Amino acid sequence: MVYEDWKKLDSALVYHKKSLELHIEINSVIGMIRSYSNLGEAYLLQKDYGKAIANFSEAKVQSEASEKKWSLDHIYDKLAEVYLLTNELDSATLYLDKSLKHNIEKNEYFGLRTTYANLSKLEKKRGNYKKALEYFELHKEIQDSLLKTQKDKELAEVQAKYDTEKQEKEIIRTLKFIN
C-alpha cells in the first residue's frame, strides 16, 4: 500500500503479486483476499478497470467462500466503484445493494459511509438528484458521527492522562509530607 501512496504503482503490483503467491502457497485465505483486493486497488489507480474487476471479483469469491466473509463490504464497494467509473450502472447497483445489506446487518458504519457516498454518485449518474442528495446526506451524517466519536475518544484519553498525572503528583506530595 505504501508504493500506491507514493504513486509507484508498478512496484506495488510486483509486491502485491509476490504477496499473493506466498499466501496461495501457505493457503492463507485472508492473505489471498487482501492480496487480490490490493491488486484490484492498484489496477484501479492505474485505470486498468478490467484487471481491477478481475482481482476484486476473485477477492469476492474468496471472501464469500470464507467463514467470516472477511472485508466483503469493502470488496462490494470497490467493485461498485469500478462499475460506476465504467458507467455499468446495473452492475454498480448490484454490488451497492449487497454492500448496503451487509453493512446494515453487521452495523458497519465505516462501510455504510462509503456505500452511501457511492449510492449518491450512482443516483447522480442516473439523474436522480433528489435521491443522490438523500444518500449524500446519510453519508455526511455517518461521517460526522464517526468524527464526533473519534474526537470524544481522543478527548477522553487526554482527560484520563491529565487525571492520572494529577493523581501521581498528589501521591508524590502526600509521600513527601509523610516522610
Foldseek 3Di string as FASTA:
>chain_A
DVCVVVVVLVVQLVVLVVQCVVCVVVVPLVSNLVSLQSNLVSCVVVVVLVSNLVSLVVSQVSLVPDDVSPCNLVSLLSNLVSCLVVVVLVSNVVSLVVSCVVCVVVVPLVSLLSSLQSVLSSCVVVVNNVSSVVSPVVSVVSVVVVVVVVVVVVVVVVVVVVVVVVVVVVVVVVVVVVD
